[in-house]
Amino acid sequence: MDSKHDDCLDDEISEPQAHRDVPSPKSSKGWKLIVGLCLILAVLFLIGWIPRYNQRKRIDAYAAYVHVPQVTIMTVKSETKPIDLVLPSSAEALHITPLWARTNGYLARYLVDIGDYVKEGDLLAEIDTPEVDQQLEQAIADLMSSEARMDLAKISKERWEQLYKKNAEAVPGQEVDERVLTYKSSEADVLALEKNVNRLRYLKQFQKIYAPFDGIITRRDVDIGTLISAGSNGNPQELFQIAETRIIRFFVEVPQTFFRQIHTNLKASISIREFPEKTFIGEVVRFARALDPTARTMRTELHVNNPKGEILNGLYSEVTFKMSPEKDSFIVPSNAVIIRSDGTQIAILDAENKAHIKTVHVGRDFGKTMEILDGLQENDRVIINPTEKIREGTQVNIVSERNF
């Protein structure tokens, strides 16, 4: 009985303890609800935080990107093809000569006018010279009178010499000497008057104006009745201007960079705006062999055959030489060149995209582009339109690359 009673008591005592160790259904559901809410809050937090984090990273990256200068570059290549050296010029006749008067008078008539073709020796105009005619007539009369006095002096001299030979004591020697000297003086007078007559006859020849060579009359500055002055008062009268246009000359100023390539017989193409369909070929005939110390250019003369006379004197033209570059040169955009107080410079990039400033020597200026003669090397990467931020060692970002 006692043992059974004790067992029953043990069962009664142990049953409540076991009952207390088993969680209730209500308590388990509460914990699950709390954990679920925490997970939901964590997911919502991540959904809101991750986009903001990514946006922050993009903003920081963009700020760092914008802070670094953005540049456009080009890779330079040396110019190996012939260079067109274009120089301005003007057409000039081989000979262009003003014709002046060499005698005084009035224009009696003219036989040619502007634009007329004339041959060498053609009569162009005649001048009426009444004063010269009168002077010539007077000079001839003076010459005749002087010749008569010379003849008389000669006869007198010869007679006195014969008398002196027959009787030297009867005829004074001084008288004979006087007659001889008188004759020589009269000879000199005749000679002087003959020269004066020849001078006036020579001036009279200028009554007629002749063409000195084949050409075109380009100017006529006188009319019938115009008073002609030979220039004794310092203001001579120009009558005509004549130009020989069978050969046309072109003068150009060759820069110092190319003067070594200029030589006799060098060909050049000459273009004239009024002949767009035609190119004339000129040839170097001579050059100065000296440079202008101010402009650093050498004066060069070219000739072009003009048998038809289509090239007129004074036409503006452009002379183009095909020149070979003597050393590597590079063509870069004009906005890649930096003009600063310490010289002309260009910014280039190294392999790490860091800028380096190089001093360069500029050749020809083509407007949108420029020629660089010294300071660059093959495959240098040149920064186009560099800003003030570009300095030595500046890190940059390349946004594009152009080809020229």
Protein backbone atom coordinates (compact mmCIF):
# COMPACT_ATOMS: atom_id res chain seq x y z
CA MET A 1 0.00 0.00 0.00
CA ASP A 2 2.74 2.36 0.97
CA SER A 3 4.69 1.72 -2.13
CA LYS A 4 1.70 2.25 -4.36
CA HIS A 5 0.87 5.37 -2.46
CA ASP A 6 4.37 6.66 -2.96
CA ASP A 7 4.25 5.91 -6.65
CA CYS A 8 1.03 7.80 -6.98
CA LEU A 9 2.49 10.69 -5.14
CA ASP A 10 5.51 10.70 -7.43
CA ASP A 11 3.24 10.67 -10.48
CA GLU A 12 1.25 13.58 -9.13
CA ILE A 13 4.39 15.51 -8.36
CA SER A 14 6.11 14.87 -11.73
CA GLU A 15 3.09 15.55 -13.96
CA PRO A 16 2.85 19.28 -13.25
CA GLN A 17 6.61 19.69 -13.81
CA ALA A 18 6.47 18.08 -17.25
CA HIS A 19 3.43 20.11 -18.08
CA ARG A 20 5.29 23.31 -17.30
CA ASP A 21 8.30 22.45 -19.63
CA VAL A 22 6.17 22.20 -22.85
CA PRO A 23 5.65 25.71 -24.47
CA SER A 24 2.18 26.77 -25.15
CA PRO A 25 0.94 27.34 -28.73
CA LYS A 26 0.27 31.02 -28.04
CA SER A 27 3.89 31.65 -26.93
CA SER A 28 5.38 30.02 -30.15
CA LYS A 29 3.21 32.11 -32.45
CA GLY A 30 4.37 35.35 -30.79
CA TRP A 31 8.00 34.63 -31.38
CA LYS A 32 7.42 33.79 -35.00
CA LEU A 33 5.54 37.03 -35.47
CA ILE A 34 8.40 39.04 -33.98
CA VAL A 35 11.00 37.33 -36.18
CA GLY A 36 8.84 37.84 -39.28
CA LEU A 37 8.44 41.54 -38.53
CA CYS A 38 12.19 41.90 -38.09
CA LEU A 39 12.81 40.20 -41.44
CA ILE A 40 10.28 42.43 -43.15
CA LEU A 41 11.84 45.54 -41.64
CA ALA A 42 15.30 44.34 -42.73
CA VAL A 43 14.09 43.74 -46.30
CA LEU A 44 12.38 47.12 -46.42
CA PHE A 45 15.56 48.76 -45.10
CA LEU A 46 17.67 47.07 -47.74
CA ILE A 47 15.20 48.00 -50.48
CA GLY A 48 15.49 51.67 -49.51
CA TRP A 49 19.20 51.76 -48.66
CA ILE A 50 20.72 49.88 -51.61
CA PRO A 51 19.47 52.35 -54.32
CA ARG A 52 20.62 55.29 -52.24
CA TYR A 53 23.99 53.60 -51.78
CA ASN A 54 24.33 52.98 -55.51
CA GLN A 55 23.28 56.56 -56.27
CA ARG A 56 25.84 57.86 -53.79
CA LYS A 57 28.54 55.78 -55.46
CA ARG A 58 27.53 57.12 -58.90
CA ILE A 59 27.55 60.69 -57.61
CA ASP A 60 30.98 60.23 -56.03
CA ALA A 61 32.33 58.64 -59.21
CA TYR A 62 30.87 61.41 -61.40
CA ALA A 63 32.28 64.07 -59.09
CA ALA A 64 35.70 62.46 -59.31
CA TYR A 65 35.32 62.15 -63.12
CA VAL A 66 34.25 65.76 -63.57
CA HIS A 67 37.10 67.03 -61.45
CA VAL A 68 39.59 65.53 -63.95
CA PRO A 69 39.78 67.62 -67.20
CA GLN A 70 38.02 66.04 -70.17
CA VAL A 71 39.95 66.33 -73.43
CA THR A 72 39.76 65.51 -77.12
CA ILE A 73 42.99 64.36 -78.73
CA MET A 74 44.52 63.55 -82.09
CA THR A 75 47.51 61.40 -82.98
CA VAL A 76 49.89 63.32 -85.24
CA LYS A 77 51.58 61.84 -88.30
CA SER A 78 54.52 63.41 -90.12
CA GLU A 79 53.88 65.08 -93.47
CA THR A 80 55.82 63.22 -96.17
CA LYS A 81 53.89 64.29 -99.26
CA PRO A 82 54.96 67.40 -101.23
CA ILE A 83 53.83 70.68 -99.75
CA ASP A 84 51.89 73.20 -101.81
CA LEU A 85 53.64 76.52 -101.26
CA VAL A 86 51.10 79.10 -102.47
CA LEU A 87 52.36 82.66 -102.84
CA PRO A 88 50.52 85.77 -104.08
CA SER A 89 51.81 87.53 -107.14
CA SER A 90 50.86 89.91 -109.94
CA ALA A 91 51.33 89.61 -113.70
CA GLU A 92 53.86 92.02 -115.16
CA ALA A 93 54.83 92.53 -118.77
CA LEU A 94 58.37 91.55 -119.70
CA HIS A 95 58.99 95.18 -120.71
CA ILE A 96 56.72 98.07 -119.82
CA THR A 97 58.09 101.45 -120.80
CA PRO A 98 56.79 105.01 -120.70
CA LEU A 99 57.61 107.05 -123.81
CA TRP A 100 58.77 110.60 -123.07
CA ALA A 101 59.31 113.65 -125.25
CA ARG A 102 62.88 114.73 -125.95
CA THR A 103 61.93 117.99 -127.62
CA ASN A 104 59.63 120.91 -126.91
CA GLY A 105 56.59 121.65 -128.99
CA TYR A 106 52.95 120.75 -129.57
CA LEU A 107 51.47 117.36 -130.40
CA ALA A 108 50.57 117.53 -134.07
CA ARG A 109 48.93 114.08 -134.34
CA TYR A 110 48.93 110.59 -132.84
CA LEU A 111 48.49 107.43 -134.84
CA VAL A 112 47.82 104.84 -132.06
CA ASP A 113 45.65 104.61 -128.99
CA ILE A 114 45.29 102.35 -125.93
CA GLY A 115 44.97 98.66 -126.75
CA ASP A 116 46.65 98.94 -130.17
CA TYR A 117 49.32 96.40 -131.10
CA VAL A 118 52.44 98.00 -132.57
CA LYS A 119 55.65 96.73 -134.11
CA GLU A 120 59.14 97.96 -133.36
CA GLY A 121 59.80 101.13 -135.35
CA ASP A 122 56.12 101.99 -135.98
CA LEU A 123 55.37 105.73 -135.96
CA LEU A 124 53.25 106.57 -132.93
CA ALA A 125 52.96 110.37 -132.95
CA GLU A 126 54.43 113.60 -134.39
CA ILE A 127 55.34 116.78 -132.53
CA ASP A 128 55.36 120.25 -134.09
CA THR A 129 58.57 122.00 -132.91
CA PRO A 130 58.61 125.62 -134.16
CA GLU A 131 61.21 126.77 -131.62
CA VAL A 132 63.62 123.97 -132.48
CA ASP A 133 63.14 124.70 -136.19
CA GLN A 134 64.04 128.34 -135.65
CA GLN A 135 67.03 127.44 -133.51
CA LEU A 136 68.25 125.01 -136.17
CA GLU A 137 67.97 127.62 -138.93
CA GLN A 138 69.84 130.16 -136.83
CA ALA A 139 72.54 127.61 -135.98
CA ILE A 140 73.01 126.78 -139.66
CA ALA A 141 73.35 130.48 -140.50
CA ASP A 142 75.89 130.95 -137.70
CA LEU A 143 77.81 127.95 -139.00
CA MET A 144 77.91 129.38 -142.53
CA SER A 145 79.16 132.73 -141.23
CA SER A 146 81.80 131.02 -139.13
CA GLU A 147 82.94 128.93 -142.07
CA ALA A 148 83.35 132.12 -144.15
CA ARG A 149 85.49 133.69 -141.43
CA MET A 150 87.52 130.53 -141.22
CA ASP A 151 88.15 130.57 -144.98
CA LEU A 152 89.26 134.20 -144.80
CA ALA A 153 91.57 133.45 -141.88
CA LYS A 154 93.02 130.52 -143.77
CA ILE A 155 93.81 132.66 -146.83
CA SER A 156 95.36 135.35 -144.65
CA LYS A 157 97.46 132.79 -142.78
CA GLU A 158 98.77 131.21 -145.97
CA ARG A 159 99.74 134.62 -147.49
CA TRP A 160 101.60 135.73 -144.41
CA GLU A 161 103.43 132.43 -144.24
CA GLN A 162 104.56 132.78 -147.90
CA LEU A 163 105.76 136.36 -147.30
CA TYR A 164 107.66 135.23 -144.21
CA LYS A 165 109.38 132.52 -146.19
CA LYS A 166 110.46 135.00 -148.92
CA ASN A 167 111.72 137.72 -146.61
CA ALA A 168 111.77 136.96 -142.93
CA GLU A 169 113.26 140.32 -142.12
CA ALA A 170 110.51 142.27 -143.90
CA VAL A 171 107.67 140.39 -142.27
CA PRO A 172 107.47 140.28 -138.48
CA GLY A 173 107.15 136.76 -137.09
CA GLN A 174 104.56 137.90 -134.57
CA GLU A 175 102.19 138.91 -137.36
CA VAL A 176 102.49 135.46 -138.88
CA ASP A 177 101.76 133.81 -135.55
CA GLU A 178 98.68 135.98 -135.06
CA ARG A 179 97.31 134.93 -138.47
CA VAL A 180 97.92 131.25 -137.67
CA LEU A 181 96.17 131.51 -134.29
CA THR A 182 93.27 133.41 -135.84
CA TYR A 183 92.78 130.59 -138.30
CA LYS A 184 92.85 127.93 -135.56
CA SER A 185 90.34 129.93 -133.51
CA SER A 186 87.99 130.14 -136.47
CA GLU A 187 88.36 126.37 -136.99
CA ALA A 188 87.30 125.80 -133.39
CA ASP A 189 84.31 128.12 -133.85
CA VAL A 190 83.22 126.19 -136.90
CA LEU A 191 83.55 122.89 -135.05
CA ALA A 192 81.46 124.19 -132.13
CA LEU A 193 78.76 125.49 -134.44
CA GLU A 194 78.72 122.19 -136.34
CA LYS A 195 78.10 120.36 -133.02
CA ASN A 196 75.30 122.75 -132.20
CA VAL A 197 73.67 122.16 -135.61
CA ASN A 198 73.99 118.41 -135.15
CA ARG A 199 72.42 118.67 -131.68
CA LEU A 200 69.43 120.58 -132.99
CA ARG A 201 69.04 118.20 -135.90
CA TYR A 202 69.13 115.32 -133.40
CA LEU A 203 66.43 117.00 -131.31
CA LYS A 204 64.38 117.55 -134.42
CA GLN A 205 64.38 113.80 -134.97
CA PHE A 206 62.30 113.50 -131.78
CA GLN A 207 59.48 115.21 -133.59
CA LYS A 208 58.48 111.68 -134.49
CA ILE A 209 57.82 109.10 -131.74
CA TYR A 210 58.57 105.49 -132.71
CA ALA A 211 57.81 102.21 -130.93
CA PRO A 212 60.96 100.84 -129.24
CA PHE A 213 59.72 97.22 -129.40
CA ASP A 214 56.71 95.08 -130.26
CA GLY A 215 53.94 95.55 -127.74
CA ILE A 216 50.60 97.02 -126.72
CA ILE A 217 49.85 100.66 -126.03
CA THR A 218 48.51 100.64 -122.48
CA ARG A 219 48.34 104.42 -121.87
CA ARG A 220 48.00 107.65 -123.86
CA ASP A 221 48.40 110.81 -121.82
CA VAL A 222 48.36 113.48 -124.57
CA ASP A 223 45.96 114.83 -127.16
CA ILE A 224 46.33 116.93 -130.28
CA GLY A 225 47.60 120.39 -129.41
CA THR A 226 49.03 119.34 -126.03
CA LEU A 227 52.08 121.37 -125.03
CA ILE A 228 55.02 118.98 -124.92
CA SER A 229 57.92 119.59 -122.57
CA ALA A 230 61.26 117.87 -122.91
CA GLY A 231 61.82 118.08 -119.17
CA SER A 232 64.11 121.09 -118.95
CA ASN A 233 61.89 122.45 -116.18
CA GLY A 234 61.96 119.16 -114.24
CA ASN A 235 58.47 118.07 -115.32
CA PRO A 236 58.77 116.00 -118.50
CA GLN A 237 55.67 115.00 -120.42
CA GLU A 238 54.87 111.28 -120.72
CA LEU A 239 53.25 110.54 -124.07
CA PHE A 240 52.50 106.80 -124.14
CA GLN A 241 53.13 103.61 -122.22
CA ILE A 242 53.93 100.45 -124.14
CA ALA A 243 54.07 96.88 -122.76
CA GLU A 244 55.56 93.77 -124.26
CA THR A 245 53.31 90.89 -123.19
CA ARG A 246 54.62 87.97 -125.21
CA ILE A 247 56.29 86.90 -121.94
CA ILE A 248 54.74 87.67 -118.56
CA ARG A 249 56.79 87.95 -115.39
CA PHE A 250 55.62 86.94 -111.92
CA PHE A 251 57.53 88.01 -108.80
CA VAL A 252 57.06 86.10 -105.54
CA GLU A 253 58.61 86.31 -102.08
CA VAL A 254 59.76 82.82 -101.08
CA PRO A 255 59.93 82.26 -97.28
CA GLN A 256 63.25 81.42 -95.68
CA THR A 257 62.03 77.89 -94.93
CA PHE A 258 62.04 76.98 -98.64
CA PHE A 259 64.71 79.20 -100.18
CA ARG A 260 67.17 76.29 -100.54
CA GLN A 261 64.77 74.51 -102.91
CA ILE A 262 64.56 77.44 -105.34
CA HIS A 263 66.68 77.02 -108.46
CA THR A 264 66.69 78.08 -112.10
CA ASN A 265 64.18 76.23 -114.33
CA LEU A 266 62.06 75.18 -111.32
CA LYS A 267 58.46 74.79 -112.48
CA ALA A 268 55.42 76.26 -110.75
CA SER A 269 51.71 76.33 -111.53
CA ILE A 270 50.08 79.75 -111.76
CA SER A 271 46.35 80.20 -111.29
CA ILE A 272 44.38 83.31 -112.15
CA ARG A 273 40.87 83.70 -110.81
CA GLU A 274 39.54 84.89 -114.16
CA PHE A 275 40.73 81.64 -115.85
CA PRO A 276 39.26 78.97 -113.53
CA GLU A 277 39.54 76.24 -116.17
CA LYS A 278 43.20 76.85 -116.96
CA THR A 279 46.50 76.59 -115.11
CA PHE A 280 49.58 78.33 -116.49
CA ILE A 281 53.04 76.84 -116.08
CA GLY A 282 55.80 79.22 -115.01
CA GLU A 283 59.53 78.72 -114.79
CA VAL A 284 62.02 80.32 -112.43
CA VAL A 285 64.48 82.39 -114.47
CA ARG A 286 66.31 84.20 -111.68
CA PHE A 287 66.22 84.84 -107.94
CA ALA A 288 67.84 87.37 -105.66
CA ARG A 289 70.25 85.00 -103.88
CA ALA A 290 69.69 87.16 -100.81
CA LEU A 291 66.93 87.39 -98.22
CA ASP A 292 65.09 90.46 -97.08
CA PRO A 293 66.37 90.97 -93.51
CA THR A 294 62.95 92.16 -92.35
CA ALA A 295 60.52 89.77 -94.05
CA ARG A 296 63.01 86.84 -94.29
CA THR A 297 61.94 86.18 -97.88
CA MET A 298 63.79 85.86 -101.18
CA ARG A 299 62.54 87.64 -104.31
CA THR A 300 62.06 85.18 -107.18
CA GLU A 301 61.10 85.84 -110.81
CA LEU A 302 59.15 83.42 -113.01
CA HIS A 303 58.31 83.69 -116.72
CA VAL A 304 55.22 82.45 -118.53
CA ASN A 305 54.86 82.38 -122.32
CA ASN A 306 51.87 84.46 -123.39
CA PRO A 307 51.73 84.22 -127.21
CA LYS A 308 47.99 84.95 -127.39
CA GLY A 309 48.20 87.88 -125.01
CA GLU A 310 45.46 86.48 -122.77
CA ILE A 311 47.35 87.28 -119.54
CA LEU A 312 47.08 91.01 -119.03
CA ASN A 313 49.53 93.14 -117.17
CA GLY A 314 48.49 93.66 -113.55
CA LEU A 315 46.31 90.54 -113.08
CA TYR A 316 46.37 89.13 -109.54
CA SER A 317 47.53 85.52 -109.42
CA GLU A 318 48.69 82.75 -107.10
CA VAL A 319 51.93 80.87 -107.72
CA THR A 320 52.08 77.30 -106.38
CA PHE A 321 55.36 75.45 -105.86
CA LYS A 322 55.54 71.74 -105.04
CA MET A 323 58.01 71.68 -102.16
CA SER A 324 59.44 68.62 -100.38
CA PRO A 325 59.64 69.01 -96.60
CA GLU A 326 63.28 69.12 -95.52
CA LYS A 327 62.42 67.50 -92.17
CA ASP A 328 59.42 65.98 -90.42
CA SER A 329 56.60 68.43 -89.99
CA PHE A 330 53.14 67.96 -88.54
CA ILE A 331 49.77 69.52 -89.27
CA VAL A 332 47.65 70.24 -86.20
CA PRO A 333 44.42 72.18 -85.64
CA SER A 334 44.97 75.84 -84.88
CA ASN A 335 43.07 75.51 -81.59
CA ALA A 336 45.64 72.96 -80.38
CA VAL A 337 48.35 75.61 -80.29
CA ILE A 338 48.83 77.43 -76.98
CA ILE A 339 50.10 81.00 -77.15
CA ARG A 340 51.61 82.03 -73.83
CA SER A 341 54.16 84.52 -72.61
CA ASP A 342 56.87 81.85 -72.56
CA GLY A 343 56.34 80.94 -76.23
CA THR A 344 54.23 78.82 -78.56
CA GLN A 345 53.37 75.46 -76.99
CA ILE A 346 51.34 72.28 -77.48
CA ALA A 347 49.99 69.90 -74.83
CA ILE A 348 50.56 66.17 -75.40
CA LEU A 349 49.65 63.06 -73.38
CA ASP A 350 51.90 60.26 -72.17
CA ALA A 351 50.92 56.62 -71.75
CA GLU A 352 49.30 57.38 -68.36
CA ASN A 353 47.17 60.19 -69.82
CA LYS A 354 49.18 62.87 -68.08
CA ALA A 355 49.64 66.17 -69.89
CA HIS A 356 53.05 67.53 -70.83
CA ILE A 357 53.62 71.00 -72.29
CA LYS A 358 56.08 71.21 -75.20
CA THR A 359 57.48 74.32 -76.84
CA VAL A 360 57.12 74.10 -80.64
CA HIS A 361 58.22 76.02 -83.73
CA VAL A 362 55.32 76.99 -86.00
CA GLY A 363 55.71 77.01 -89.77
CA ARG A 364 52.91 77.98 -92.13
CA ASP A 365 49.49 79.09 -90.93
CA PHE A 366 46.67 77.59 -93.03
CA GLY A 367 43.86 79.17 -91.05
CA LYS A 368 42.11 76.17 -89.48
CA THR A 369 45.36 74.22 -89.26
CA MET A 370 49.01 75.06 -88.62
CA GLU A 371 52.30 73.45 -89.54
CA ILE A 372 54.61 72.43 -86.69
CA LEU A 373 58.25 72.25 -87.78
CA ASP A 374 59.89 71.35 -84.48
CA GLY A 375 58.83 70.11 -81.04
CA LEU A 376 56.63 67.11 -81.94
CA GLN A 377 57.36 63.46 -82.72
CA GLU A 378 55.59 60.78 -84.69
CA ASN A 379 52.44 59.41 -82.93
CA ASP A 380 52.38 62.10 -80.24
CA ARG A 381 48.89 62.50 -78.82
CA VAL A 382 48.03 66.18 -78.99
CA ILE A 383 45.27 67.76 -76.90
CA ILE A 384 42.82 69.77 -78.99
CA ASN A 385 41.56 73.05 -77.54
CA PRO A 386 43.29 72.73 -74.12
CA THR A 387 41.85 74.78 -71.26
CA GLU A 388 43.68 76.71 -68.55
CA LYS A 389 43.44 73.61 -66.33
CA ILE A 390 45.89 71.76 -68.56
CA ARG A 391 49.29 72.14 -66.96
CA GLU A 392 52.45 70.06 -66.80
CA GLY A 393 51.61 66.67 -65.25
CA THR A 394 47.82 67.20 -65.16
CA GLN A 395 45.85 63.94 -65.22
CA VAL A 396 43.12 64.01 -67.87
CA ASN A 397 40.33 61.86 -69.25
CA ILE A 398 40.05 61.26 -73.01
CA VAL A 399 36.49 61.69 -74.23
CA SER A 400 37.12 61.43 -78.00
CA GLU A 401 39.83 61.25 -80.67
CA ARG A 402 39.76 63.03 -84.00
CA ASN A 403 41.53 62.53 -87.28
CA PHE A 404 42.76 65.43 -89.47
